[in-house]
Amino acid sequence: MDKEINTFQNERIVLERQLKQFDKALEQNQHTIKKEQERLKIISNRLETIRMQMKEIDPDGQLSKIIHQDLMVGVTSITTVAKQQFLLDNVQKVSQLFTLQEELEETSLKLASNNVELEGMISQLQEQQNEKEKLVEQLKQKEAASKKQTQQLLEESKKMKKEKELIEGAISNEQKREEKGSSFFGQTDIPSTATVINPTIDTSSTTIPSQYMKYYLYGEKEYGVPWYYLAAIHSVETGFSTSPTMTSSVGAIGSMQFMPSTWVGYKYESSGGLVAENVDITDLETIKKGNGYGVDADNDGKADPYSVADGVAAAANYLSSNGFATDPRKSIWHYNHAEWYVDKVINLAENFKNSTQISKDGDIQLKSGGEYDVTTVGNRWIGNSVYVFGGGRNQEDVKNGRFDCSSFVYWAFNQLGVRLGEQTSVSTETLKNMGTAVEEKDMQPGDLVFFDTYKKDGHVGIYIGDGKFIGAQSSNGVAIEDMTAGYWKEKFNHRVQRVSNI
């Protein structure tokens, strides 16, 4: 009963944390909009001041008229002596008007551009508010379901108590039967009709991504867990890290779906396998103190559950620590307390073992970040990030998964050593001029794709293949979206930029 209650409690906590992220993002975005509105007011006031200054210099507009009709198309067009003399008499005023006219045009363009940006921000903010309302509704439903489930479990507990009394009575009767023989029941045999039903186990082989084999073999070498069991768990848990989200509804995280307290150590547990938000579960010293299972397999100075290298090694560590060498089935059961899960992993592992030819010769050298390319490095933020206007341009934002569309693209490429300009000033406008333009029909994973949302080229993402892109969206943070249907198909403007051949 406690397990079911903890599951509901965890789902509620995860939703509450998501709401907390949204609330903070909404607060920051509302503040940004307020600042933008104040800036627009300043620009508007400056425009009014410029017009007043022009009016003071040229009350009747005669100079401005001559400038527009004659000087703007060339001095040679000034043919009359009167016009020439008039301009000569007012050289200083003409110069001032030219200067003010240039500032007027520049300020007007700036005002128009900022108005477009503001309208886009307000539209995106509304999307976030709508998404928050959905999360609030989910939380209400989850709390109602949790309350109902708790009541049902309490009723079941009472029922089980009664059944226990009946079983104890049956045991007492059985003891009496043994003493008196079968005549105690008036019959000599009672057949059992009980059956055990197990879920169907799908043992169809999914091709193992070759780039992950070294991590499975490393886990086998270091912890004695055969590579094919690690591959099977990776497949079952996240489909070889292709799951739509790397954070489950109950808070399991990363490529191998560890509960945070299992990863960092149970001493940090706050509730049902979760830990406090301020605990850095990637910190090696913290894991050591907590006797956690997290492993820094790729030697990058942190144990990252979203890293396939670290996740697979940690899974091998966990299985080994739970007695895989003497009882594989029991150790897998510890990974997920369900017999159907154990059967599925074992069957899939055997399938992988029998259908895959590998060589274990040579030393295994793991390279930091080696499992990633620009299309997958951002997977760690799926379901674990939030959209913030101007976010992602400092370490604090990145640490907490706060991005806008262009800063996420910058971050993703930067993880692989490709610098797309300056982090503090990156935007869709700077990115659309990066690299080389390519035809849509020649689009490849890793290319930048642009969308006309609140303005032309208002949104950018990274194409990942099969008509999909990964990007930071205002409603759901970093996520994978479909370009072949619906909103994103409509907004795709067919601009594709290739910035690197990673």
Protein backbone atom coordinates (compact mmCIF):
# COMPACT_ATOMS: atom_id res chain seq x y z
CA MET A 1 0.00 0.00 0.00
CA ASP A 2 2.84 2.39 0.87
CA LYS A 3 4.34 1.89 -2.60
CA GLU A 4 1.13 2.96 -4.37
CA ILE A 5 0.72 5.98 -2.10
CA ASN A 6 4.36 6.97 -2.69
CA THR A 7 3.82 6.71 -6.45
CA PHE A 8 0.90 9.15 -6.32
CA GLN A 9 2.83 11.41 -3.96
CA ASN A 10 5.83 11.47 -6.31
CA GLU A 11 3.67 12.29 -9.32
CA ARG A 12 2.20 15.16 -7.36
CA ILE A 13 5.64 16.43 -6.29
CA VAL A 14 6.97 16.25 -9.87
CA LEU A 15 3.96 18.24 -11.11
CA GLU A 16 4.40 20.76 -8.30
CA ARG A 17 8.06 21.23 -9.29
CA GLN A 18 7.04 21.76 -12.91
CA LEU A 19 4.50 24.35 -11.76
CA LYS A 20 7.18 26.02 -9.67
CA GLN A 21 9.39 26.24 -12.79
CA PHE A 22 6.50 27.72 -14.77
CA ASP A 23 5.68 30.23 -12.05
CA LYS A 24 9.27 31.44 -11.92
CA ALA A 25 9.48 31.60 -15.72
CA LEU A 26 6.18 33.48 -15.92
CA GLU A 27 7.38 35.92 -13.27
CA GLN A 28 10.65 36.51 -15.16
CA ASN A 29 8.87 36.84 -18.49
CA GLN A 30 6.30 39.24 -17.09
CA HIS A 31 9.17 41.33 -15.70
CA THR A 32 10.86 41.30 -19.12
CA ILE A 33 7.64 42.40 -20.80
CA LYS A 34 7.24 45.21 -18.29
CA LYS A 35 10.80 46.41 -19.00
CA GLU A 36 10.13 46.18 -22.75
CA GLN A 37 6.97 48.26 -22.32
CA GLU A 38 8.95 50.87 -20.37
CA ARG A 39 11.59 50.93 -23.10
CA LEU A 40 8.90 51.39 -25.77
CA LYS A 41 7.50 54.29 -23.77
CA ILE A 42 10.96 55.91 -23.72
CA ILE A 43 11.33 55.41 -27.48
CA SER A 44 7.84 56.85 -28.08
CA ASN A 45 8.66 59.86 -25.92
CA ARG A 46 11.87 60.40 -27.87
CA LEU A 47 9.94 60.30 -31.14
CA GLU A 48 7.57 62.95 -29.83
CA THR A 49 10.52 65.09 -28.72
CA ILE A 50 12.14 64.82 -32.18
CA ARG A 51 8.92 65.91 -33.88
CA MET A 52 8.62 68.88 -31.53
CA GLN A 53 12.23 69.90 -32.21
CA MET A 54 11.63 69.68 -35.96
CA LYS A 55 8.51 71.80 -35.53
CA GLU A 56 10.49 74.46 -33.64
CA ILE A 57 13.18 74.60 -36.36
CA ASP A 58 10.74 74.50 -39.26
CA PRO A 59 7.32 75.72 -38.03
CA ASP A 60 5.65 75.91 -41.44
CA GLY A 61 7.43 72.85 -42.88
CA GLN A 62 8.94 74.78 -45.79
CA LEU A 63 12.49 73.51 -45.22
CA SER A 64 11.32 69.93 -44.83
CA LYS A 65 9.32 70.22 -48.03
CA ILE A 66 12.36 71.44 -50.00
CA ILE A 67 14.55 68.74 -48.46
CA HIS A 68 12.10 66.00 -49.40
CA GLN A 69 11.35 67.32 -52.87
CA ASP A 70 14.81 68.47 -53.92
CA LEU A 71 17.78 67.54 -51.74
CA MET A 72 16.68 63.94 -51.21
CA VAL A 73 16.87 63.38 -54.98
CA GLY A 74 20.09 65.31 -55.49
CA VAL A 75 21.42 68.86 -55.22
CA THR A 76 21.24 69.26 -59.01
CA SER A 77 17.48 69.31 -58.78
CA ILE A 78 17.62 72.69 -57.03
CA THR A 79 17.25 74.93 -60.03
CA THR A 80 15.82 78.15 -58.77
CA VAL A 81 17.95 80.93 -57.33
CA ALA A 82 15.29 81.51 -54.72
CA LYS A 83 15.52 77.97 -53.41
CA GLN A 84 19.31 78.10 -53.35
CA GLN A 85 19.33 81.39 -51.48
CA PHE A 86 16.70 80.10 -49.04
CA LEU A 87 18.78 77.03 -48.25
CA LEU A 88 21.95 79.09 -47.91
CA ASP A 89 20.21 81.38 -45.45
CA ASN A 90 19.11 78.34 -43.41
CA VAL A 91 22.15 76.04 -43.63
CA GLN A 92 22.27 75.44 -39.89
CA LYS A 93 18.56 74.65 -39.73
CA VAL A 94 18.83 72.29 -42.71
CA SER A 95 21.72 70.46 -41.03
CA GLN A 96 19.72 70.13 -37.82
CA LEU A 97 16.70 68.87 -39.73
CA PHE A 98 18.81 66.28 -41.55
CA THR A 99 20.16 65.00 -38.24
CA LEU A 100 16.71 64.90 -36.65
CA GLN A 101 15.19 63.29 -39.74
CA GLU A 102 17.77 60.47 -39.61
CA GLU A 103 17.15 59.94 -35.90
CA LEU A 104 13.40 60.03 -36.50
CA GLU A 105 13.59 57.29 -39.13
CA GLU A 106 15.96 55.19 -37.02
CA THR A 107 13.82 55.57 -33.88
CA SER A 108 10.62 54.84 -35.81
CA LEU A 109 12.13 51.59 -37.14
CA LYS A 110 13.31 50.68 -33.65
CA LEU A 111 9.86 51.36 -32.23
CA ALA A 112 8.20 49.21 -34.90
CA SER A 113 10.68 46.37 -34.37
CA ASN A 114 10.31 46.48 -30.58
CA ASN A 115 6.54 46.54 -30.91
CA VAL A 116 6.73 43.31 -32.90
CA GLU A 117 9.01 41.78 -30.24
CA LEU A 118 6.63 42.86 -27.48
CA GLU A 119 3.61 41.39 -29.29
CA GLY A 120 5.56 38.14 -29.70
CA MET A 121 6.45 38.08 -26.00
CA ILE A 122 2.85 38.66 -24.97
CA SER A 123 1.71 35.86 -27.29
CA GLN A 124 4.32 33.45 -25.91
CA LEU A 125 3.47 34.45 -22.36
CA GLN A 126 -0.15 33.54 -23.05
CA GLU A 127 0.99 30.11 -24.28
CA GLN A 128 2.89 29.61 -21.04
CA GLN A 129 -0.09 30.70 -18.96
CA ASN A 130 -2.28 28.23 -20.86
CA GLU A 131 0.25 25.48 -20.25
CA LYS A 132 0.37 26.34 -16.57
CA GLU A 133 -3.41 26.06 -16.38
CA LYS A 134 -3.16 22.58 -17.89
CA LEU A 135 -0.57 21.61 -15.27
CA VAL A 136 -2.76 22.99 -12.50
CA GLU A 137 -5.66 20.92 -13.81
CA GLN A 138 -3.43 17.83 -13.99
CA LEU A 139 -2.36 18.43 -10.41
CA LYS A 140 -5.98 18.74 -9.26
CA GLN A 141 -6.86 15.51 -11.05
CA LYS A 142 -3.79 13.80 -9.60
CA GLU A 143 -4.67 14.92 -6.08
CA ALA A 144 -8.27 13.75 -6.52
CA ALA A 145 -7.09 10.39 -7.89
CA SER A 146 -4.55 10.10 -5.09
CA LYS A 147 -7.22 10.74 -2.48
CA LYS A 148 -9.50 8.17 -4.09
CA GLN A 149 -6.67 5.65 -4.42
CA THR A 150 -5.64 6.15 -0.80
CA GLN A 151 -9.21 5.48 0.32
CA GLN A 152 -9.36 2.34 -1.85
CA LEU A 153 -6.06 1.15 -0.43
CA LEU A 154 -7.31 1.70 3.10
CA GLU A 155 -10.41 -0.33 2.25
CA GLU A 156 -8.20 -3.04 0.76
CA SER A 157 -6.10 -2.97 3.90
CA LYS A 158 -9.22 -3.65 6.00
CA LYS A 159 -10.21 -6.41 3.60
CA MET A 160 -6.74 -7.94 3.77
CA LYS A 161 -6.94 -7.84 7.53
CA LYS A 162 -10.15 -9.84 7.40
CA GLU A 163 -8.62 -12.22 4.86
CA LYS A 164 -5.66 -12.66 7.17
CA GLU A 165 -8.02 -13.69 9.95
CA LEU A 166 -9.69 -16.17 7.59
CA ILE A 167 -6.31 -17.56 6.51
CA GLU A 168 -5.23 -17.92 10.11
CA GLY A 169 -8.49 -19.77 10.75
CA ALA A 170 -7.84 -21.97 7.70
CA ILE A 171 -4.36 -22.79 8.98
CA SER A 172 -5.84 -23.73 12.31
CA ASN A 173 -8.36 -25.96 10.52
CA GLU A 174 -5.56 -27.51 8.43
CA GLN A 175 -3.69 -28.38 11.59
CA LYS A 176 -6.83 -30.02 12.94
CA ARG A 177 -7.31 -31.87 9.63
CA GLU A 178 -3.81 -33.26 9.84
CA GLU A 179 -4.63 -34.48 13.29
CA LYS A 180 -8.01 -36.00 12.37
CA GLY A 181 -7.42 -36.93 8.71
CA SER A 182 -9.46 -36.17 5.59
CA SER A 183 -12.70 -37.03 7.38
CA PHE A 184 -12.44 -33.60 8.97
CA PHE A 185 -13.75 -32.08 5.67
CA GLY A 186 -15.88 -35.02 4.66
CA GLN A 187 -13.86 -35.51 1.43
CA THR A 188 -10.47 -36.83 0.45
CA ASP A 189 -9.29 -34.32 -2.15
CA ILE A 190 -9.73 -30.63 -2.90
CA PRO A 191 -8.45 -29.71 -6.41
CA SER A 192 -6.86 -26.29 -6.95
CA THR A 193 -8.16 -24.14 -9.82
CA ALA A 194 -5.77 -21.22 -9.26
CA THR A 195 -3.89 -19.94 -12.29
CA VAL A 196 -1.06 -17.44 -12.65
CA ILE A 197 -1.26 -15.01 -15.56
CA ASN A 198 1.87 -13.21 -16.77
CA PRO A 199 1.91 -10.37 -19.34
CA THR A 200 3.08 -11.26 -22.83
CA ILE A 201 6.79 -10.69 -23.26
CA ASP A 202 7.80 -9.08 -26.54
CA THR A 203 11.22 -10.49 -27.47
CA SER A 204 11.43 -8.86 -30.88
CA SER A 205 14.92 -7.53 -31.41
CA THR A 206 15.46 -3.79 -31.66
CA THR A 207 18.72 -2.95 -33.35
CA ILE A 208 21.22 -1.86 -30.72
CA PRO A 209 22.71 1.55 -31.54
CA SER A 210 26.38 0.87 -32.27
CA GLN A 211 27.54 4.05 -30.55
CA TYR A 212 26.36 2.68 -27.20
CA MET A 213 28.06 -0.72 -27.37
CA LYS A 214 31.25 0.59 -25.75
CA TYR A 215 29.26 1.68 -22.71
CA TYR A 216 27.65 -1.74 -22.29
CA LEU A 217 31.04 -3.44 -22.67
CA TYR A 218 32.57 -1.02 -20.17
CA GLY A 219 29.84 -1.89 -17.66
CA GLU A 220 30.52 -5.60 -18.18
CA LYS A 221 34.27 -5.13 -17.74
CA GLU A 222 34.03 -2.98 -14.61
CA TYR A 223 31.10 -4.61 -12.81
CA GLY A 224 30.73 -8.10 -14.25
CA VAL A 225 27.22 -7.59 -15.67
CA PRO A 226 26.99 -9.00 -19.24
CA TRP A 227 26.62 -6.26 -21.83
CA TYR A 228 23.37 -7.62 -23.23
CA TYR A 229 21.54 -7.20 -19.90
CA LEU A 230 22.59 -3.54 -19.79
CA ALA A 231 21.47 -3.07 -23.39
CA ALA A 232 18.13 -4.69 -22.58
CA ILE A 233 17.51 -2.39 -19.61
CA HIS A 234 18.49 0.63 -21.70
CA SER A 235 16.01 -0.47 -24.37
CA VAL A 236 13.16 -1.13 -21.93
CA GLU A 237 13.66 2.03 -19.89
CA THR A 238 14.06 4.73 -22.56
CA GLY A 239 14.17 2.99 -25.96
CA PHE A 240 17.95 3.58 -26.12
CA SER A 241 17.52 7.20 -24.95
CA THR A 242 14.81 8.06 -27.49
CA SER A 243 12.00 8.49 -24.96
CA PRO A 244 9.91 11.66 -25.44
CA THR A 245 10.93 12.64 -21.92
CA MET A 246 13.88 11.67 -19.78
CA THR A 247 11.94 12.40 -16.58
CA SER A 248 9.15 10.00 -15.69
CA SER A 249 5.89 10.99 -14.02
CA VAL A 250 7.25 9.77 -10.67
CA GLY A 251 10.63 11.48 -11.04
CA ALA A 252 12.90 8.76 -12.46
CA ILE A 253 15.55 10.47 -14.59
CA GLY A 254 18.11 9.89 -17.29
CA SER A 255 18.92 7.26 -19.86
CA MET A 256 18.55 4.36 -17.41
CA GLN A 257 15.73 5.93 -15.34
CA PHE A 258 17.22 6.13 -11.86
CA MET A 259 15.32 7.62 -8.95
CA PRO A 260 17.44 10.56 -7.74
CA SER A 261 17.95 9.11 -4.25
CA THR A 262 19.22 5.83 -5.69
CA TRP A 263 21.68 7.75 -7.83
CA VAL A 264 23.00 10.13 -5.18
CA GLY A 265 22.35 8.12 -2.01
CA TYR A 266 19.33 7.37 0.17
CA LYS A 267 20.52 9.70 2.93
CA TYR A 268 19.38 12.59 0.70
CA GLU A 269 15.91 11.16 0.07
CA SER A 270 13.09 13.58 0.72
CA SER A 271 10.12 11.50 -0.42
CA GLY A 272 9.61 8.27 -2.36
CA GLY A 273 12.99 8.29 -4.09
CA LEU A 274 13.09 12.04 -4.74
CA VAL A 275 15.64 14.43 -3.26
CA ALA A 276 15.55 18.12 -2.44
CA GLU A 277 15.97 20.40 -5.46
CA ASN A 278 19.15 21.96 -4.06
CA VAL A 279 21.01 18.61 -3.96
CA ASP A 280 23.50 18.37 -6.83
CA ILE A 281 23.12 14.72 -7.77
CA THR A 282 26.00 14.91 -10.25
CA ASP A 283 28.57 15.91 -7.62
CA LEU A 284 30.98 13.04 -7.02
CA GLU A 285 31.73 13.95 -3.41
CA THR A 286 28.00 14.16 -2.62
CA ILE A 287 27.45 10.71 -4.15
CA LYS A 288 30.39 9.29 -2.21
CA LYS A 289 29.03 10.62 1.09
CA GLY A 290 25.58 9.28 0.30
CA ASN A 291 26.81 5.85 -0.86
CA GLY A 292 24.90 6.40 -4.10
CA TYR A 293 25.22 4.36 -7.28
CA GLY A 294 26.03 7.24 -9.65
CA VAL A 295 29.22 6.73 -11.67
CA ASP A 296 31.46 9.09 -13.63
CA ALA A 297 32.31 6.61 -16.39
CA ASP A 298 33.54 9.14 -18.94
CA ASN A 299 35.78 11.01 -16.48
CA ASP A 300 34.31 14.45 -17.08
CA GLY A 301 34.24 15.26 -13.38
CA LYS A 302 30.56 14.54 -12.74
CA ALA A 303 28.18 11.60 -12.58
CA ASP A 304 25.37 12.62 -14.90
CA PRO A 305 22.27 10.40 -15.07
CA TYR A 306 21.44 11.94 -18.46
CA SER A 307 24.77 10.73 -19.86
CA VAL A 308 24.46 7.29 -21.44
CA ALA A 309 28.03 6.46 -20.40
CA ASP A 310 27.41 7.31 -16.75
CA GLY A 311 23.89 5.88 -16.70
CA VAL A 312 24.86 2.47 -18.08
CA ALA A 313 27.84 2.20 -15.72
CA ALA A 314 25.62 3.14 -12.77
CA ALA A 315 23.07 0.48 -13.80
CA ALA A 316 25.87 -2.11 -13.89
CA ASN A 317 27.05 -0.90 -10.49
CA TYR A 318 23.52 -1.21 -9.09
CA LEU A 319 22.92 -4.69 -10.49
CA SER A 320 26.30 -5.89 -9.27
CA SER A 321 25.70 -4.47 -5.78
CA ASN A 322 22.37 -6.29 -5.65
CA GLY A 323 23.93 -9.70 -6.26
CA PHE A 324 23.81 -10.12 -10.03
CA ALA A 325 26.73 -12.60 -9.89
CA THR A 326 24.78 -15.04 -7.72
CA ASP A 327 21.15 -14.30 -8.64
CA PRO A 328 20.63 -12.25 -11.85
CA ARG A 329 16.87 -12.46 -11.66
CA LYS A 330 16.72 -11.08 -8.14
CA SER A 331 19.09 -8.21 -8.95
CA ILE A 332 16.97 -7.20 -11.98
CA TRP A 333 13.89 -7.37 -9.77
CA HIS A 334 15.56 -4.81 -7.51
CA TYR A 335 15.82 -2.49 -10.55
CA ASN A 336 12.04 -2.62 -11.00
CA HIS A 337 9.94 -4.59 -8.55
CA ALA A 338 7.84 -6.48 -11.09
CA GLU A 339 8.13 -10.04 -12.37
CA TRP A 340 6.93 -9.04 -15.84
CA TYR A 341 9.79 -6.52 -16.00
CA VAL A 342 12.33 -9.16 -15.04
CA ASP A 343 10.97 -11.54 -17.69
CA LYS A 344 11.04 -8.83 -20.35
CA VAL A 345 14.63 -7.80 -19.61
CA ILE A 346 15.89 -11.41 -19.52
CA ASN A 347 14.14 -12.37 -22.75
CA LEU A 348 15.32 -9.25 -24.54
CA ALA A 349 18.86 -9.74 -23.23
CA GLU A 350 18.94 -13.29 -24.58
CA ASN A 351 17.66 -12.00 -27.90
CA PHE A 352 20.45 -9.40 -28.05
CA LYS A 353 23.04 -11.98 -27.00
CA ASN A 354 22.06 -14.45 -29.70
CA SER A 355 21.59 -11.93 -32.52
CA THR A 356 24.64 -9.71 -32.07
CA GLN A 357 28.24 -10.49 -32.94
CA ILE A 358 30.78 -8.42 -31.02
CA SER A 359 34.48 -8.37 -30.31
CA LYS A 360 35.73 -7.69 -26.79
CA ASP A 361 39.35 -7.31 -27.80
CA GLY A 362 41.26 -4.19 -26.76
CA ASP A 363 40.89 -1.60 -24.02
CA ILE A 364 37.73 0.51 -23.80
CA GLN A 365 38.42 4.24 -23.73
CA LEU A 366 35.41 6.38 -22.92
CA LYS A 367 35.47 9.96 -24.16
CA SER A 368 33.61 12.73 -22.36
CA GLY A 369 30.45 13.53 -24.30
CA GLY A 370 31.32 10.89 -26.86
CA GLU A 371 27.78 9.52 -27.11
CA TYR A 372 26.33 12.85 -28.15
CA ASP A 373 25.89 14.75 -31.35
CA VAL A 374 24.12 18.07 -31.75
CA THR A 375 20.75 16.35 -32.32
CA THR A 376 20.84 14.38 -29.05
CA VAL A 377 22.81 16.51 -26.59
CA GLY A 378 19.67 18.46 -25.73
CA ASN A 379 17.63 15.37 -24.79
CA ARG A 380 18.58 15.88 -21.16
CA TRP A 381 16.41 18.99 -21.05
CA ILE A 382 13.25 17.36 -22.43
CA GLY A 383 10.63 17.59 -19.70
CA ASN A 384 13.21 19.27 -17.51
CA SER A 385 13.38 22.87 -18.75
CA VAL A 386 11.37 26.05 -19.19
CA TYR A 387 11.23 28.89 -21.71
CA VAL A 388 12.47 32.28 -20.50
CA PHE A 389 12.81 35.41 -22.68
CA GLY A 390 16.52 36.07 -22.93
CA GLY A 391 17.28 32.98 -20.83
CA GLY A 392 20.18 30.58 -21.31
CA ARG A 393 22.82 33.29 -21.54
CA ASN A 394 24.53 32.65 -18.20
CA GLN A 395 25.55 29.60 -16.19
CA GLU A 396 22.76 29.95 -13.64
CA ASP A 397 20.11 29.81 -16.37
CA VAL A 398 21.75 26.85 -18.09
CA LYS A 399 22.10 24.97 -14.79
CA ASN A 400 18.37 25.33 -14.20
CA GLY A 401 17.29 24.61 -17.79
CA ARG A 402 16.08 28.12 -18.60
CA PHE A 403 16.39 28.81 -22.35
CA ASP A 404 14.85 30.65 -25.23
CA CYS A 405 15.02 29.15 -28.73
CA SER A 406 18.28 30.73 -29.87
CA SER A 407 20.16 30.25 -26.59
CA PHE A 408 19.27 26.54 -26.62
CA VAL A 409 20.67 26.16 -30.14
CA TYR A 410 23.80 28.02 -29.03
CA TRP A 411 24.16 25.76 -25.96
CA ALA A 412 23.70 22.54 -27.96
CA PHE A 413 26.40 23.40 -30.49
CA ASN A 414 28.67 24.76 -27.78
CA GLN A 415 28.59 21.36 -26.03
CA LEU A 416 30.34 19.94 -29.08
CA GLY A 417 32.87 22.75 -29.37
CA VAL A 418 31.07 24.78 -32.04
CA ARG A 419 30.70 28.44 -31.11
CA LEU A 420 27.84 30.28 -32.79
CA GLY A 421 28.85 33.86 -32.11
CA GLU A 422 28.50 35.41 -28.65
CA GLN A 423 26.34 33.72 -26.06
CA THR A 424 25.13 37.02 -24.59
CA SER A 425 23.86 38.37 -27.91
CA VAL A 426 22.78 35.26 -29.83
CA SER A 427 19.37 35.55 -31.51
CA THR A 428 17.46 34.16 -34.45
CA GLU A 429 18.74 37.15 -36.43
CA THR A 430 22.39 36.24 -35.78
CA LEU A 431 21.85 32.51 -36.28
CA LYS A 432 20.08 32.84 -39.62
CA ASN A 433 23.29 34.21 -41.11
CA MET A 434 25.50 31.42 -39.72
CA GLY A 435 26.99 28.80 -42.01
CA THR A 436 25.60 28.02 -45.45
CA ALA A 437 22.04 28.03 -46.72
CA VAL A 438 20.85 24.66 -48.06
CA GLU A 439 17.74 23.55 -49.91
CA GLU A 440 14.98 22.00 -47.84
CA LYS A 441 15.23 18.79 -49.89
CA ASP A 442 18.91 18.49 -48.85
CA MET A 443 18.21 19.06 -45.14
CA GLN A 444 20.25 16.85 -42.78
CA PRO A 445 20.19 16.21 -39.01
CA GLY A 446 22.07 19.01 -37.29
CA ASP A 447 20.89 21.76 -39.65
CA LEU A 448 19.19 24.84 -38.25
CA VAL A 449 15.54 25.29 -39.26
CA PHE A 450 13.62 28.56 -38.99
CA PHE A 451 9.96 29.42 -38.49
CA ASP A 452 7.90 32.55 -39.01
CA THR A 453 6.04 32.82 -35.70
CA TYR A 454 5.38 36.29 -34.28
CA LYS A 455 7.79 37.64 -36.92
CA LYS A 456 9.87 36.37 -39.84
CA ASP A 457 12.49 33.92 -38.54
CA GLY A 458 11.00 34.30 -35.07
CA HIS A 459 11.85 30.76 -34.00
CA VAL A 460 14.77 28.38 -34.57
CA GLY A 461 15.44 24.71 -33.83
CA ILE A 462 17.80 21.86 -34.73
CA TYR A 463 16.60 19.35 -37.31
CA ILE A 464 16.94 15.77 -36.01
CA GLY A 465 15.57 13.82 -39.00
CA ASP A 466 12.23 12.19 -39.89
CA GLY A 467 10.55 15.58 -40.18
CA LYS A 468 11.25 16.55 -36.56
CA PHE A 469 13.29 19.19 -34.78
CA ILE A 470 14.39 19.81 -31.21
CA GLY A 471 14.13 23.30 -29.79
CA ALA A 472 13.04 25.41 -26.82
CA GLN A 473 9.37 26.32 -27.14
CA SER A 474 7.49 28.84 -25.01
CA SER A 475 4.82 26.37 -23.90
CA ASN A 476 6.86 23.28 -23.03
CA GLY A 477 10.54 24.21 -22.84
CA VAL A 478 12.97 21.98 -24.71
CA ALA A 479 10.99 19.42 -26.69
CA ILE A 480 10.90 17.51 -29.96
CA GLU A 481 8.31 18.83 -32.43
CA ASP A 482 6.90 17.59 -35.74
CA MET A 483 7.46 19.81 -38.79
CA THR A 484 5.33 17.69 -41.11
CA ALA A 485 1.92 18.56 -39.68
CA GLY A 486 0.04 21.18 -37.70
CA TYR A 487 1.43 24.39 -36.31
CA TRP A 488 5.11 23.87 -37.08
CA LYS A 489 4.46 22.77 -40.66
CA GLU A 490 2.45 25.95 -41.16
CA LYS A 491 5.13 28.15 -39.61
CA PHE A 492 8.22 26.56 -41.22
CA ASN A 493 9.58 29.13 -43.68
CA HIS A 494 11.95 26.71 -45.48
CA ARG A 495 15.07 28.52 -44.31
CA VAL A 496 17.74 25.90 -43.53
CA GLN A 497 21.26 26.76 -42.45
CA ARG A 498 24.13 24.28 -42.15
CA VAL A 499 26.62 25.54 -39.59
CA SER A 500 28.81 22.46 -39.10
CA ASN A 501 29.39 18.96 -40.40
CA ILE A 502 29.24 17.31 -36.99
